[in-house]
C-alpha cells in the first residue's frame, strides 16, 4: 500500500510539472490514463480534464482508504492472534507445570509410603527374629535348668535310697516293722522332707544300733 501511495503521489507531481512546462496544458489522455488508472478512451491529442483527474484521485484515495482499512483489520487480527497465542501458551505452560508438580508430589508421596512400609517390614522382621532368639535362649535355659536339676537330684536320690535301706536294716535288727514304701512321685515332690525324714530315721537307727 505504501508503494502504491508513493507511485500515486509521484504521478500527480509529474502531471503538475508537465502542465507547467506545457504552458498550463495537461499531458495527453494516454499518459493520464497510465498514470491515474483512467479506463476511458480519450483522444491522444486531447488533454485530461480536471474532472477526470479528480475522479482518478478519488478512486486512488478510495483504494488507499480500503487498503488502510484492510491493513488495520489485519493488524487487529494479528494483535488478537498474538495475544491469544500468548495467553494459550501461558495457560499450557502453567498447566504443564502444575501437572509436573502434581506428578512429582505423587511420586514423593508413594515413595515415602513405600519407604515407611519397608521400614515397618524390616522392623517387624527384626522384632520377630529377636523374639525367636529370646524364645530359643529361654528354651535352652529351661533345658539346662532341667538337666542341672536332674544332675543335682541324682546323688541325693542315691543317698536317700541308701539311707532308706540302712533304716530298713536297722529297724529289722531291732524287730520293728519296716517303713511304708513311698511312691516315686511323692519322693520327687517331697524331696526336701524325704531327705529330712530319711536322715532322722537314719539317725534313729544309728542310736538303736548303739543300744544293741
Protein backbone atom coordinates (compact mmCIF):
# COMPACT_ATOMS: atom_id res chain seq x y z
CA UNK A 1 0.00 0.00 0.00
CA UNK A 2 2.83 2.41 0.79
CA UNK A 3 4.38 1.76 -2.62
CA UNK A 4 1.06 2.46 -4.40
CA UNK A 5 0.63 5.68 -2.45
CA UNK A 6 4.16 6.75 -3.37
CA UNK A 7 3.55 5.95 -7.03
CA UNK A 8 0.30 7.95 -6.97
CA UNK A 9 2.00 10.97 -5.38
CA UNK A 10 4.83 10.74 -7.87
CA UNK A 11 2.37 10.52 -10.77
CA UNK A 12 0.42 13.57 -9.63
CA UNK A 13 3.66 15.53 -9.24
CA UNK A 14 4.72 14.58 -12.76
CA UNK A 15 1.33 15.66 -14.14
CA UNK A 16 1.63 19.05 -12.45
CA UNK A 17 5.19 19.52 -13.66
CA UNK A 18 4.28 18.61 -17.23
CA UNK A 19 1.31 21.01 -17.15
CA UNK A 20 3.53 23.83 -16.03
CA UNK A 21 6.13 23.03 -18.72
CA UNK A 22 3.41 22.99 -21.46
CA UNK A 23 2.07 26.39 -20.52
CA UNK A 24 -0.79 25.21 -18.37
CA UNK A 25 -1.83 22.39 -20.69
CA UNK A 26 -2.03 18.82 -19.34
CA UNK A 27 -0.44 15.81 -20.99
CA UNK A 28 -2.28 13.56 -23.39
CA UNK A 29 -5.05 11.24 -22.43
CA UNK A 30 -2.93 8.12 -22.84
CA UNK A 31 -0.33 9.34 -20.36
CA UNK A 32 -3.05 10.48 -17.93
CA UNK A 33 -4.71 7.09 -18.27
CA UNK A 34 -1.50 5.27 -17.48
CA UNK A 35 -0.72 7.48 -14.52
CA UNK A 36 -4.16 7.77 -12.95
CA UNK A 37 -5.69 4.47 -13.95
CA UNK A 38 -8.48 6.06 -16.09
CA UNK A 39 -10.02 3.27 -18.15
CA UNK A 40 -11.97 5.60 -20.52
CA UNK A 41 -10.65 6.15 -24.05
CA UNK A 42 -9.57 9.71 -24.95
CA UNK A 43 -8.23 11.40 -27.93
CA UNK A 44 -4.44 11.29 -27.84
CA UNK A 45 -4.30 14.98 -28.67
CA UNK A 46 -6.89 15.98 -26.04
CA UNK A 47 -5.53 16.54 -22.51
CA UNK A 48 -7.40 15.05 -19.49
CA UNK A 49 -9.84 17.32 -17.78
CA UNK A 50 -9.90 18.36 -14.15
CA UNK A 51 -12.98 16.18 -13.60
CA UNK A 52 -11.16 13.14 -14.89
CA UNK A 53 -8.19 13.85 -12.68
CA UNK A 54 -10.48 14.39 -9.67
CA UNK A 55 -12.24 11.11 -10.42
CA UNK A 56 -8.92 9.30 -10.67
CA UNK A 57 -7.74 10.93 -7.45
CA UNK A 58 -10.96 9.96 -5.66
CA UNK A 59 -10.60 6.39 -6.88
CA UNK A 60 -7.00 6.32 -5.71
CA UNK A 61 -7.97 7.77 -2.33
CA UNK A 62 -10.79 5.22 -2.00
CA UNK A 63 -8.36 2.45 -2.81
CA UNK A 64 -5.92 3.89 -0.28
CA UNK A 65 -8.68 4.05 2.36
CA UNK A 66 -9.67 0.46 1.56
CA UNK A 67 -6.07 -0.67 1.84
CA UNK A 68 -5.67 1.23 5.12
CA UNK A 69 -8.85 -0.39 6.46
CA UNK A 70 -7.58 -3.80 5.36
CA UNK A 71 -4.23 -3.06 7.00
CA UNK A 72 -5.94 -2.02 10.24
CA UNK A 73 -8.09 -5.16 10.15
CA UNK A 74 -5.05 -7.33 9.54
CA UNK A 75 -3.16 -5.53 12.30
CA UNK A 76 -6.07 -6.06 14.69
CA UNK A 77 -6.31 -9.72 13.72
CA UNK A 78 -2.56 -10.13 14.09
CA UNK A 79 -2.63 -8.48 17.52
CA UNK A 80 -5.57 -10.65 18.57
CA UNK A 81 -3.79 -13.75 17.26
CA UNK A 82 -0.59 -12.86 19.11
CA UNK A 83 -2.50 -12.17 22.34
CA UNK A 84 -4.50 -15.40 22.01
CA UNK A 85 -1.36 -17.38 21.22
CA UNK A 86 0.49 -15.82 24.15
CA UNK A 87 -2.43 -16.49 26.52
CA UNK A 88 -2.79 -20.08 25.29
CA UNK A 89 0.96 -20.61 25.60
CA UNK A 90 0.93 -19.27 29.17
CA UNK A 91 -2.04 -21.45 30.08
CA UNK A 92 -0.46 -24.55 28.55
CA UNK A 93 2.85 -23.80 30.27
CA UNK A 94 1.06 -23.29 33.63
CA UNK A 95 -0.96 -26.48 33.15
CA UNK A 96 2.16 -28.46 32.25
CA UNK A 97 3.98 -27.04 35.29
CA UNK A 98 1.07 -27.91 37.61
CA UNK A 99 0.84 -31.43 36.20
CA UNK A 100 4.58 -31.87 36.61
CA UNK A 101 4.40 -30.68 40.22
CA UNK A 102 1.43 -32.96 40.86
CA UNK A 103 3.30 -35.93 39.39
CA UNK A 104 6.38 -35.13 41.48
CA UNK A 105 4.22 -34.83 44.62
CA UNK A 106 2.53 -38.18 43.89
CA UNK A 107 5.89 -39.82 43.27
CA UNK A 108 7.26 -38.39 46.51
CA UNK A 109 4.15 -39.45 48.46
CA UNK A 110 4.21 -43.04 47.23
CA UNK A 111 7.97 -43.22 47.65
CA UNK A 112 7.51 -42.15 51.29
CA UNK A 113 4.77 -44.75 51.77
CA UNK A 114 6.96 -47.47 50.26
CA UNK A 115 9.87 -46.43 52.48
CA UNK A 116 7.65 -46.49 55.57
CA UNK A 117 6.25 -49.89 54.62
CA UNK A 118 9.75 -51.22 54.01
CA UNK A 119 10.94 -49.87 57.37
CA UNK A 120 7.93 -51.36 59.16
CA UNK A 121 8.52 -54.72 57.47
CA UNK A 122 12.19 -54.67 58.43
CA UNK A 123 11.31 -53.66 62.00
CA UNK A 124 8.73 -56.46 62.23
CA UNK A 125 11.27 -58.97 60.91
CA UNK A 126 13.86 -57.79 63.41
CA UNK A 127 11.30 -57.99 66.23
CA UNK A 128 10.32 -61.49 65.15
CA UNK A 129 13.96 -62.56 64.98
CA UNK A 130 14.63 -61.05 68.41
CA UNK A 131 11.56 -62.83 69.80
CA UNK A 132 12.71 -66.11 68.31
CA UNK A 133 16.15 -65.55 69.79
CA UNK A 134 14.67 -64.86 73.22
CA UNK A 135 12.47 -67.95 72.98
CA UNK A 136 15.42 -70.09 71.91
CA UNK A 137 17.53 -68.78 74.79
CA UNK A 138 14.65 -69.30 77.21
CA UNK A 139 14.09 -72.85 75.95
CA UNK A 140 17.79 -73.58 76.17
CA UNK A 141 17.88 -72.13 79.68
CA UNK A 142 14.91 -74.28 80.74
CA UNK A 143 16.56 -77.38 79.30
CA UNK A 144 19.82 -76.54 81.04
CA UNK A 145 17.94 -75.98 84.31
CA UNK A 146 16.15 -79.30 83.95
CA UNK A 147 19.40 -81.09 83.19
CA UNK A 148 21.10 -79.37 86.12
CA UNK A 149 18.14 -80.26 88.32
CA UNK A 150 18.36 -83.89 87.23
CA UNK A 151 22.12 -83.93 87.79
CA UNK A 152 21.65 -82.31 91.17
CA UNK A 153 18.95 -84.77 92.23
CA UNK A 154 20.85 -87.86 91.12
CA UNK A 155 23.37 -88.13 94.07
CA UNK A 156 20.72 -87.17 96.59
CA UNK A 157 18.35 -89.82 95.31
CA UNK A 158 21.12 -92.40 95.65
CA UNK A 159 21.87 -91.22 99.15
CA UNK A 160 18.18 -91.30 100.07
CA UNK A 161 17.89 -94.85 98.79
CA UNK A 162 20.96 -95.81 100.81
CA UNK A 163 19.55 -94.22 103.96
CA UNK A 164 16.22 -95.96 103.40
CA UNK A 165 17.97 -99.30 103.05
CA UNK A 166 20.02 -98.61 106.17
CA UNK A 167 16.88 -97.61 108.07
CA UNK A 168 15.11 -100.78 106.94
CA UNK A 169 18.02 -102.97 108.07
CA UNK A 170 18.29 -101.26 111.44
CA UNK A 171 14.55 -101.49 112.06
CA UNK A 172 14.70 -105.16 111.15
CA UNK A 173 17.56 -105.67 113.60
CA UNK A 174 15.56 -104.23 116.49
CA UNK A 175 12.42 -106.07 115.47
CA UNK A 176 10.43 -103.11 114.20
CA UNK A 177 8.19 -103.22 111.21
CA UNK A 178 9.69 -101.89 108.02
CA UNK A 179 8.54 -98.39 106.97
CA UNK A 180 5.83 -97.99 104.34
CA UNK A 181 7.11 -97.65 100.77
CA UNK A 182 6.55 -94.14 99.22
CA UNK A 183 5.76 -93.64 95.54
CA UNK A 184 8.28 -92.14 93.17
CA UNK A 185 6.17 -89.00 92.69
CA UNK A 186 5.92 -88.37 96.41
CA UNK A 187 9.66 -88.83 96.72
CA UNK A 188 10.34 -86.32 93.92
CA UNK A 189 7.77 -83.75 95.11
CA UNK A 190 8.79 -84.00 98.76
CA UNK A 191 12.48 -84.39 98.22
CA UNK A 192 13.40 -81.99 100.99
CA UNK A 193 11.04 -83.55 103.53
CA UNK A 194 12.06 -87.05 102.44
CA UNK A 195 15.67 -86.20 102.91
CA UNK A 196 14.99 -84.85 106.39
CA UNK A 197 12.85 -87.86 107.30
CA UNK A 198 15.42 -90.29 105.98
CA UNK A 199 18.18 -88.52 107.79
CA UNK A 200 16.15 -88.54 111.00
CA UNK A 201 15.33 -92.22 110.54
CA UNK A 202 18.96 -92.93 109.86
CA UNK A 203 20.00 -91.15 112.99
CA UNK A 204 17.35 -93.03 115.00
CA UNK A 205 18.54 -96.28 113.51
CA UNK A 206 22.08 -95.40 114.43
CA UNK A 207 21.01 -94.77 118.01
CA UNK A 208 19.16 -98.05 118.06
CA UNK A 209 22.22 -99.84 116.76
CA UNK A 210 24.32 -98.35 119.52
CA UNK A 211 21.85 -99.55 122.14
CA UNK A 212 22.03 -103.03 120.74
